[in-house]
């Protein structure tokens, strides 16, 4: 690593960063929920063939598809409102 005080490089076993001049980015709860909804949509629409759970019944599959559509609609509305900012 480079030490600014000595203007030299130093080899260290451990390096810890304490950001004091830069604010670390944060994810809002809305962005976290939107990302989780996108992950759920993908998982519902692309089931993994090796899943250890029993195959879904038709009514369960329809319910999950309805949830995916709701999540997609909310995501589109959220994205549209962000474009206005």
PDB file of N, CA and C in Angstrom:
ATOM      1  N   UNK A   1       0.838  -1.177   0.000  1.00  0.00           N
ATOM      2  CA  UNK A   1       0.000   0.000   0.000  1.00  0.00           C
ATOM      3  C   UNK A   1       0.885   1.242   0.000  1.00  0.00           C
ATOM      4  N   UNK A   2       0.310   2.358  -0.379  1.00  0.00           N
ATOM      5  CA  UNK A   2       1.058   3.607  -0.483  1.00  0.00           C
ATOM      6  C   UNK A   2       0.768   4.459   0.748  1.00  0.00           C
ATOM      7  N   UNK A   3       1.810   4.897   1.424  1.00  0.00           N
ATOM      8  CA  UNK A   3       1.677   5.739   2.611  1.00  0.00           C
ATOM      9  C   UNK A   3       1.945   7.178   2.186  1.00  0.00           C
ATOM     10  N   UNK A   4       0.931   8.014   2.275  1.00  0.00           N
ATOM     11  CA  UNK A   4       1.073   9.395   1.806  1.00  0.00           C
ATOM     12  C   UNK A   4       2.040  10.200   2.669  1.00  0.00           C
ATOM     13  N   UNK A   5       2.089   9.923   3.970  1.00  0.00           N
ATOM     14  CA  UNK A   5       2.959  10.696   4.857  1.00  0.00           C
ATOM     15  C   UNK A   5       4.440  10.504   4.529  1.00  0.00           C
ATOM     16  N   UNK A   6       4.810   9.287   4.123  1.00  0.00           N
ATOM     17  CA  UNK A   6       6.212   8.998   3.820  1.00  0.00           C
ATOM     18  C   UNK A   6       6.479   8.971   2.319  1.00  0.00           C
ATOM     19  N   UNK A   7       5.438   9.016   1.524  1.00  0.00           N
ATOM     20  CA  UNK A   7       5.534   8.932   0.057  1.00  0.00           C
ATOM     21  C   UNK A   7       6.244   7.655  -0.380  1.00  0.00           C
ATOM     22  N   UNK A   8       5.973   6.569   0.348  1.00  0.00           N
ATOM     23  CA  UNK A   8       6.592   5.280   0.043  1.00  0.00           C
ATOM     24  C   UNK A   8       5.546   4.176   0.102  1.00  0.00           C
ATOM     25  N   UNK A   9       5.897   3.054  -0.486  1.00  0.00           N
ATOM     26  CA  UNK A   9       5.039   1.869  -0.426  1.00  0.00           C
ATOM     27  C   UNK A   9       5.421   1.018   0.775  1.00  0.00           C
ATOM     28  N   UNK A  10       4.426   0.285   1.312  1.00  0.00           N
ATOM     29  CA  UNK A  10       4.666  -0.586   2.449  1.00  0.00           C
ATOM     30  C   UNK A  10       3.882  -1.875   2.228  1.00  0.00           C
ATOM     31  N   UNK A  11       4.463  -2.999   2.592  1.00  0.00           N
ATOM     32  CA  UNK A  11       3.776  -4.286   2.508  1.00  0.00           C
ATOM     33  C   UNK A  11       3.151  -4.562   3.873  1.00  0.00           C
ATOM     34  N   UNK A  12       1.868  -4.907   3.860  1.00  0.00           N
ATOM     35  CA  UNK A  12       1.159  -5.159   5.118  1.00  0.00           C
ATOM     36  C   UNK A  12       0.348  -6.444   4.994  1.00  0.00           C
ATOM     37  N   UNK A  13       0.136  -7.110   6.126  1.00  0.00           N
ATOM     38  CA  UNK A  13      -0.681  -8.318   6.149  1.00  0.00           C
ATOM     39  C   UNK A  13      -2.169  -8.005   6.179  1.00  0.00           C
ATOM     40  N   UNK A  14      -2.511  -6.859   6.721  1.00  0.00           N
ATOM     41  CA  UNK A  14      -3.914  -6.503   6.892  1.00  0.00           C
ATOM     42  C   UNK A  14      -4.124  -5.048   6.489  1.00  0.00           C
ATOM     43  N   UNK A  15      -5.252  -4.798   5.884  1.00  0.00           N
ATOM     44  CA  UNK A  15      -5.594  -3.437   5.495  1.00  0.00           C
ATOM     45  C   UNK A  15      -7.049  -3.194   5.866  1.00  0.00           C
ATOM     46  N   UNK A  16      -7.305  -2.114   6.581  1.00  0.00           N
ATOM     47  CA  UNK A  16      -8.666  -1.760   6.994  1.00  0.00           C
ATOM     48  C   UNK A  16      -8.970  -0.369   6.470  1.00  0.00           C
ATOM     49  N   UNK A  17     -10.119  -0.219   5.834  1.00  0.00           N
ATOM     50  CA  UNK A  17     -10.519   1.078   5.288  1.00  0.00           C
ATOM     51  C   UNK A  17     -11.520   1.737   6.216  1.00  0.00           C
ATOM     52  N   UNK A  18     -11.280   2.958   6.556  1.00  0.00           N
ATOM     53  CA  UNK A  18     -12.201   3.772   7.343  1.00  0.00           C
ATOM     54  C   UNK A  18     -12.515   5.026   6.518  1.00  0.00           C
ATOM     55  N   UNK A  19     -13.573   4.977   5.709  1.00  0.00           N
ATOM     56  CA  UNK A  19     -13.850   6.142   4.857  1.00  0.00           C
ATOM     57  C   UNK A  19     -14.259   7.349   5.692  1.00  0.00           C
ATOM     58  N   UNK A  20     -13.456   8.391   5.615  1.00  0.00           N
ATOM     59  CA  UNK A  20     -13.767   9.595   6.378  1.00  0.00           C
ATOM     60  C   UNK A  20     -14.136  10.756   5.466  1.00  0.00           C
ATOM     61  N   UNK A  21     -13.664  10.728   4.236  1.00  0.00           N
ATOM     62  CA  UNK A  21     -13.942  11.828   3.325  1.00  0.00           C
ATOM     63  C   UNK A  21     -15.054  11.509   2.332  1.00  0.00           C
ATOM     64  N   UNK A  22     -15.438  10.247   2.264  1.00  0.00           N
ATOM     65  CA  UNK A  22     -16.444   9.816   1.304  1.00  0.00           C
ATOM     66  C   UNK A  22     -17.575   9.127   2.058  1.00  0.00           C
ATOM     67  N   UNK A  23     -18.778   9.529   1.772  1.00  0.00           N
ATOM     68  CA  UNK A  23     -19.935   8.892   2.392  1.00  0.00           C
ATOM     69  C   UNK A  23     -20.203   7.587   1.651  1.00  0.00           C
ATOM     70  N   UNK A  24     -20.349   6.515   2.394  1.00  0.00           N
ATOM     71  CA  UNK A  24     -20.623   5.222   1.782  1.00  0.00           C
ATOM     72  C   UNK A  24     -22.047   5.217   1.242  1.00  0.00           C
ATOM     73  N   UNK A  25     -22.250   4.687   0.037  1.00  0.00           N
ATOM     74  CA  UNK A  25     -23.605   4.663  -0.527  1.00  0.00           C
ATOM     75  C   UNK A  25     -24.503   3.721   0.262  1.00  0.00           C
ATOM     76  N   UNK A  26     -25.767   4.067   0.315  1.00  0.00           N
ATOM     77  CA  UNK A  26     -26.742   3.256   1.035  1.00  0.00           C
ATOM     78  C   UNK A  26     -27.877   2.906   0.084  1.00  0.00           C
ATOM     79  N   UNK A  27     -28.506   1.804   0.355  1.00  0.00           N
ATOM     80  CA  UNK A  27     -29.659   1.392  -0.429  1.00  0.00           C
ATOM     81  C   UNK A  27     -30.909   1.742   0.359  1.00  0.00           C
ATOM     82  N   UNK A  28     -31.836   2.421  -0.298  1.00  0.00           N
ATOM     83  CA  UNK A  28     -33.092   2.749   0.376  1.00  0.00           C
ATOM     84  C   UNK A  28     -33.930   1.482   0.518  1.00  0.00           C
ATOM     85  N   UNK A  29     -34.869   1.504   1.429  1.00  0.00           N
ATOM     86  CA  UNK A  29     -35.733   0.338   1.602  1.00  0.00           C
ATOM     87  C   UNK A  29     -36.558   0.090   0.342  1.00  0.00           C
ATOM     88  N   UNK A  30     -36.913   1.155  -0.376  1.00  0.00           N
ATOM     89  CA  UNK A  30     -37.667   0.995  -1.625  1.00  0.00           C
ATOM     90  C   UNK A  30     -36.815   0.285  -2.670  1.00  0.00           C
ATOM     91  N   UNK A  31     -35.551   0.693  -2.803  1.00  0.00           N
ATOM     92  CA  UNK A  31     -34.669   0.036  -3.766  1.00  0.00           C
ATOM     93  C   UNK A  31     -34.394  -1.418  -3.383  1.00  0.00           C
ATOM     94  N   UNK A  32     -34.235  -1.685  -2.104  1.00  0.00           N
ATOM     95  CA  UNK A  32     -34.002  -3.058  -1.650  1.00  0.00           C
ATOM     96  C   UNK A  32     -35.222  -3.929  -1.930  1.00  0.00           C
ATOM     97  N   UNK A  33     -36.427  -3.394  -1.667  1.00  0.00           N
ATOM     98  CA  UNK A  33     -37.655  -4.156  -1.927  1.00  0.00           C
ATOM     99  C   UNK A  33     -37.841  -4.388  -3.420  1.00  0.00           C
ATOM    100  N   UNK A  34     -37.522  -3.389  -4.232  1.00  0.00           N
ATOM    101  CA  UNK A  34     -37.645  -3.536  -5.683  1.00  0.00           C
ATOM    102  C   UNK A  34     -36.681  -4.604  -6.200  1.00  0.00           C
ATOM    103  N   UNK A  35     -35.458  -4.595  -5.704  1.00  0.00           N
ATOM    104  CA  UNK A  35     -34.483  -5.607  -6.113  1.00  0.00           C
ATOM    105  C   UNK A  35     -34.933  -7.002  -5.683  1.00  0.00           C
ATOM    106  N   UNK A  36     -35.477  -7.116  -4.484  1.00  0.00           N
ATOM    107  CA  UNK A  36     -35.975  -8.408  -4.009  1.00  0.00           C
ATOM    108  C   UNK A  36     -37.141  -8.876  -4.872  1.00  0.00           C
ATOM    109  N   UNK A  37     -38.021  -7.956  -5.254  1.00  0.00           N
ATOM    110  CA  UNK A  37     -39.157  -8.311  -6.112  1.00  0.00           C
ATOM    111  C   UNK A  37     -38.658  -8.808  -7.465  1.00  0.00           C
ATOM    112  N   UNK A  38     -37.640  -8.149  -8.021  1.00  0.00           N
ATOM    113  CA  UNK A  38     -37.085  -8.602  -9.307  1.00  0.00           C
ATOM    114  C   UNK A  38     -36.505  -9.999  -9.182  1.00  0.00           C
ATOM    115  N   UNK A  39     -35.812 -10.268  -8.073  1.00  0.00           N
ATOM    116  CA  UNK A  39     -35.263 -11.604  -7.851  1.00  0.00           C
ATOM    117  C   UNK A  39     -36.383 -12.635  -7.740  1.00  0.00           C
ATOM    118  N   UNK A  40     -37.466 -12.275  -7.041  1.00  0.00           N
ATOM    119  CA  UNK A  40     -38.602 -13.187  -6.908  1.00  0.00           C
ATOM    120  C   UNK A  40     -39.275 -13.449  -8.252  1.00  0.00           C
ATOM    121  N   UNK A  41     -39.427 -12.392  -9.057  1.00  0.00           N
ATOM    122  CA  UNK A  41     -40.024 -12.560 -10.383  1.00  0.00           C
ATOM    123  C   UNK A  41     -39.195 -13.558 -11.190  1.00  0.00           C
ATOM    124  N   UNK A  42     -37.889 -13.363 -11.189  1.00  0.00           N
ATOM    125  CA  UNK A  42     -37.018 -14.265 -11.952  1.00  0.00           C
ATOM    126  C   UNK A  42     -37.148 -15.695 -11.434  1.00  0.00           C
ATOM    127  N   UNK A  43     -37.107 -15.871 -10.112  1.00  0.00           N
ATOM    128  CA  UNK A  43     -37.187 -17.213  -9.534  1.00  0.00           C
ATOM    129  C   UNK A  43     -38.525 -17.877  -9.843  1.00  0.00           C
ATOM    130  N   UNK A  44     -39.605 -17.089  -9.839  1.00  0.00           N
ATOM    131  CA  UNK A  44     -40.918 -17.660 -10.124  1.00  0.00           C
ATOM    132  C   UNK A  44     -41.077 -18.016 -11.596  1.00  0.00           C
ATOM    133  N   UNK A  45     -40.490 -17.210 -12.467  1.00  0.00           N
ATOM    134  CA  UNK A  45     -40.647 -17.449 -13.895  1.00  0.00           C
ATOM    135  C   UNK A  45     -39.612 -18.423 -14.452  1.00  0.00           C
ATOM    136  N   UNK A  46     -38.553 -18.678 -13.697  1.00  0.00           N
ATOM    137  CA  UNK A  46     -37.478 -19.585 -14.140  1.00  0.00           C
ATOM    138  C   UNK A  46     -37.150 -20.573 -13.036  1.00  0.00           C
ATOM    139  N   UNK A  47     -38.075 -21.487 -12.739  1.00  0.00           N
ATOM    140  CA  UNK A  47     -37.801 -22.437 -11.645  1.00  0.00           C
ATOM    141  C   UNK A  47     -36.612 -23.330 -11.982  1.00  0.00           C
ATOM    142  N   UNK A  48     -35.827 -23.608 -10.980  1.00  0.00           N
ATOM    143  CA  UNK A  48     -34.646 -24.455 -11.151  1.00  0.00           C
ATOM    144  C   UNK A  48     -35.104 -25.909 -11.172  1.00  0.00           C
ATOM    145  N   UNK A  49     -34.672 -26.671 -12.163  1.00  0.00           N
ATOM    146  CA  UNK A  49     -35.155 -28.058 -12.271  1.00  0.00           C
ATOM    147  C   UNK A  49     -34.713 -28.969 -11.133  1.00  0.00           C
ATOM    148  N   UNK A  50     -33.651 -28.628 -10.431  1.00  0.00           N
ATOM    149  CA  UNK A  50     -33.154 -29.490  -9.356  1.00  0.00           C
ATOM    150  C   UNK A  50     -33.670 -29.052  -7.988  1.00  0.00           C
ATOM    151  N   UNK A  51     -34.741 -28.262  -7.948  1.00  0.00           N
ATOM    152  CA  UNK A  51     -35.269 -27.799  -6.663  1.00  0.00           C
ATOM    153  C   UNK A  51     -35.745 -28.995  -5.839  1.00  0.00           C
ATOM    154  N   UNK A  52     -35.431 -29.017  -4.542  1.00  0.00           N
ATOM    155  CA  UNK A  52     -35.790 -30.163  -3.710  1.00  0.00           C
ATOM    156  C   UNK A  52     -37.247 -30.151  -3.247  1.00  0.00           C
ATOM    157  N   UNK A  53     -38.055 -29.247  -3.759  1.00  0.00           N
ATOM    158  CA  UNK A  53     -39.461 -29.208  -3.346  1.00  0.00           C
ATOM    159  C   UNK A  53     -40.329 -29.870  -4.400  1.00  0.00           C
ATOM    160  N   UNK A  54     -41.511 -30.287  -3.990  1.00  0.00           N
ATOM    161  CA  UNK A  54     -42.441 -30.941  -4.899  1.00  0.00           C
ATOM    162  C   UNK A  54     -42.893 -29.963  -5.984  1.00  0.00           C
ATOM    163  N   UNK A  55     -43.225 -30.480  -7.166  1.00  0.00           N
ATOM    164  CA  UNK A  55     -43.719 -29.595  -8.228  1.00  0.00           C
ATOM    165  C   UNK A  55     -44.970 -28.849  -7.763  1.00  0.00           C
ATOM    166  N   UNK A  56     -45.135 -27.632  -8.268  1.00  0.00           N
ATOM    167  CA  UNK A  56     -46.270 -26.810  -7.866  1.00  0.00           C
ATOM    168  C   UNK A  56     -47.548 -27.271  -8.544  1.00  0.00           C
ATOM    169  N   UNK A  57     -48.629 -27.182  -7.796  1.00  0.00           N
ATOM    170  CA  UNK A  57     -49.946 -27.448  -8.383  1.00  0.00           C
ATOM    171  C   UNK A  57     -50.310 -26.255  -9.260  1.00  0.00           C
ATOM    172  N   UNK A  58     -51.259 -26.439 -10.168  1.00  0.00           N
ATOM    173  CA  UNK A  58     -51.647 -25.371 -11.086  1.00  0.00           C
ATOM    174  C   UNK A  58     -52.113 -24.117 -10.357  1.00  0.00           C
ATOM    175  N   UNK A  59     -52.913 -24.272  -9.278  1.00  0.00           N
ATOM    176  CA  UNK A  59     -53.402 -23.086  -8.566  1.00  0.00           C
ATOM    177  C   UNK A  59     -52.261 -22.339  -7.873  1.00  0.00           C
ATOM    178  N   UNK A  60     -51.248 -23.074  -7.384  1.00  0.00           N
ATOM    179  CA  UNK A  60     -50.080 -22.418  -6.781  1.00  0.00           C
ATOM    180  C   UNK A  60     -49.284 -21.674  -7.849  1.00  0.00           C
ATOM    181  N   UNK A  61     -49.106 -22.318  -8.994  1.00  0.00           N
ATOM    182  CA  UNK A  61     -48.364 -21.693 -10.088  1.00  0.00           C
ATOM    183  C   UNK A  61     -49.070 -20.413 -10.540  1.00  0.00           C
ATOM    184  N   UNK A  62     -50.405 -20.444 -10.642  1.00  0.00           N
ATOM    185  CA  UNK A  62     -51.172 -19.260 -11.037  1.00  0.00           C
ATOM    186  C   UNK A  62     -51.041 -18.160  -9.986  1.00  0.00           C
ATOM    187  N   UNK A  63     -51.072 -18.530  -8.721  1.00  0.00           N
ATOM    188  CA  UNK A  63     -50.909 -17.549  -7.649  1.00  0.00           C
ATOM    189  C   UNK A  63     -49.544 -16.886  -7.699  1.00  0.00           C
ATOM    190  N   UNK A  64     -48.498 -17.676  -7.921  1.00  0.00           N
ATOM    191  CA  UNK A  64     -47.151 -17.124  -8.021  1.00  0.00           C
ATOM    192  C   UNK A  64     -47.013 -16.240  -9.260  1.00  0.00           C
ATOM    193  N   UNK A  65     -47.660 -16.631 -10.361  1.00  0.00           N
ATOM    194  CA  UNK A  65     -47.620 -15.796 -11.559  1.00  0.00           C
ATOM    195  C   UNK A  65     -48.321 -14.462 -11.297  1.00  0.00           C
ATOM    196  N   UNK A  66     -49.437 -14.499 -10.566  1.00  0.00           N
ATOM    197  CA  UNK A  66     -50.123 -13.253 -10.204  1.00  0.00           C
ATOM    198  C   UNK A  66     -49.217 -12.358  -9.361  1.00  0.00           C
ATOM    199  N   UNK A  67     -48.511 -12.954  -8.414  1.00  0.00           N
ATOM    200  CA  UNK A  67     -47.571 -12.176  -7.601  1.00  0.00           C
ATOM    201  C   UNK A  67     -46.469 -11.571  -8.470  1.00  0.00           C
ATOM    202  N   UNK A  68     -45.946 -12.356  -9.409  1.00  0.00           N
ATOM    203  CA  UNK A  68     -44.905 -11.847 -10.297  1.00  0.00           C
ATOM    204  C   UNK A  68     -45.419 -10.659 -11.094  1.00  0.00           C
ATOM    205  N   UNK A  69     -46.662 -10.748 -11.571  1.00  0.00           N
ATOM    206  CA  UNK A  69     -47.246  -9.634 -12.333  1.00  0.00           C
ATOM    207  C   UNK A  69     -47.429  -8.397 -11.455  1.00  0.00           C
ATOM    208  N   UNK A  70     -47.841  -8.602 -10.205  1.00  0.00           N
ATOM    209  CA  UNK A  70     -47.986  -7.478  -9.266  1.00  0.00           C
ATOM    210  C   UNK A  70     -46.626  -6.822  -9.033  1.00  0.00           C
ATOM    211  N   UNK A  71     -45.606  -7.653  -8.775  1.00  0.00           N
ATOM    212  CA  UNK A  71     -44.258  -7.121  -8.556  1.00  0.00           C
ATOM    213  C   UNK A  71     -43.768  -6.352  -9.779  1.00  0.00           C
ATOM    214  N   UNK A  72     -44.030  -6.889 -10.972  1.00  0.00           N
ATOM    215  CA  UNK A  72     -43.600  -6.209 -12.193  1.00  0.00           C
ATOM    216  C   UNK A  72     -44.293  -4.860 -12.326  1.00  0.00           C
ATOM    217  N   UNK A  73     -45.590  -4.810 -12.032  1.00  0.00           N
ATOM    218  CA  UNK A  73     -46.335  -3.557 -12.140  1.00  0.00           C
ATOM    219  C   UNK A  73     -45.799  -2.530 -11.142  1.00  0.00           C
ATOM    220  N   UNK A  74     -45.552  -2.957  -9.924  1.00  0.00           N
ATOM    221  CA  UNK A  74     -45.002  -2.045  -8.915  1.00  0.00           C
ATOM    222  C   UNK A  74     -43.631  -1.565  -9.349  1.00  0.00           C
ATOM    223  N   UNK A  75     -42.812  -2.475  -9.895  1.00  0.00           N
ATOM    224  CA  UNK A  75     -41.483  -2.089 -10.367  1.00  0.00           C
ATOM    225  C   UNK A  75     -41.555  -1.081 -11.498  1.00  0.00           C
ATOM    226  N   UNK A  76     -42.487  -1.262 -12.422  1.00  0.00           N
ATOM    227  CA  UNK A  76     -42.643  -0.300 -13.518  1.00  0.00           C
ATOM    228  C   UNK A  76     -43.087   1.045 -12.981  1.00  0.00           C
ATOM    229  N   UNK A  77     -44.024   1.049 -12.042  1.00  0.00           N
ATOM    230  CA  UNK A  77     -44.492   2.312 -11.458  1.00  0.00           C
ATOM    231  C   UNK A  77     -43.364   3.004 -10.698  1.00  0.00           C
ATOM    232  N   UNK A  78     -42.565   2.221  -9.984  1.00  0.00           N
ATOM    233  CA  UNK A  78     -41.440   2.789  -9.224  1.00  0.00           C
ATOM    234  C   UNK A  78     -40.421   3.402 -10.175  1.00  0.00           C
ATOM    235  N   UNK A  79     -40.105   2.687 -11.258  1.00  0.00           N
ATOM    236  CA  UNK A  79     -39.134   3.188 -12.232  1.00  0.00           C
ATOM    237  C   UNK A  79     -39.659   4.447 -12.910  1.00  0.00           C
ATOM    238  N   UNK A  80     -40.938   4.484 -13.234  1.00  0.00           N
ATOM    239  CA  UNK A  80     -41.525   5.660 -13.874  1.00  0.00           C
ATOM    240  C   UNK A  80     -41.435   6.871 -12.960  1.00  0.00           C
ATOM    241  N   UNK A  81     -41.708   6.697 -11.684  1.00  0.00           N
ATOM    242  CA  UNK A  81     -41.662   7.824 -10.753  1.00  0.00           C
ATOM    243  C   UNK A  81     -40.235   8.299 -10.536  1.00  0.00           C
ATOM    244  N   UNK A  82     -39.234   7.378 -10.630  1.00  0.00           N
ATOM    245  CA  UNK A  82     -37.829   7.792 -10.508  1.00  0.00           C
ATOM    246  C   UNK A  82     -37.421   8.646 -11.696  1.00  0.00           C
ATOM    247  N   UNK A  83     -37.977   8.357 -12.884  1.00  0.00           N
ATOM    248  CA  UNK A  83     -37.630   9.119 -14.086  1.00  0.00           C
ATOM    249  C   UNK A  83     -38.069  10.562 -13.971  1.00  0.00           C
ATOM    250  N   UNK A  84     -39.101  10.820 -13.151  1.00  0.00           N
ATOM    251  CA  UNK A  84     -39.608  12.174 -12.989  1.00  0.00           C
ATOM    252  C   UNK A  84     -38.717  13.018 -12.098  1.00  0.00           C
ATOM    253  N   UNK A  85     -37.925  12.372 -11.243  1.00  0.00           N
ATOM    254  CA  UNK A  85     -37.066  13.119 -10.309  1.00  0.00           C
ATOM    255  C   UNK A  85     -35.936  13.808 -11.007  1.00  0.00           C
TER     256      UNK A  85
END
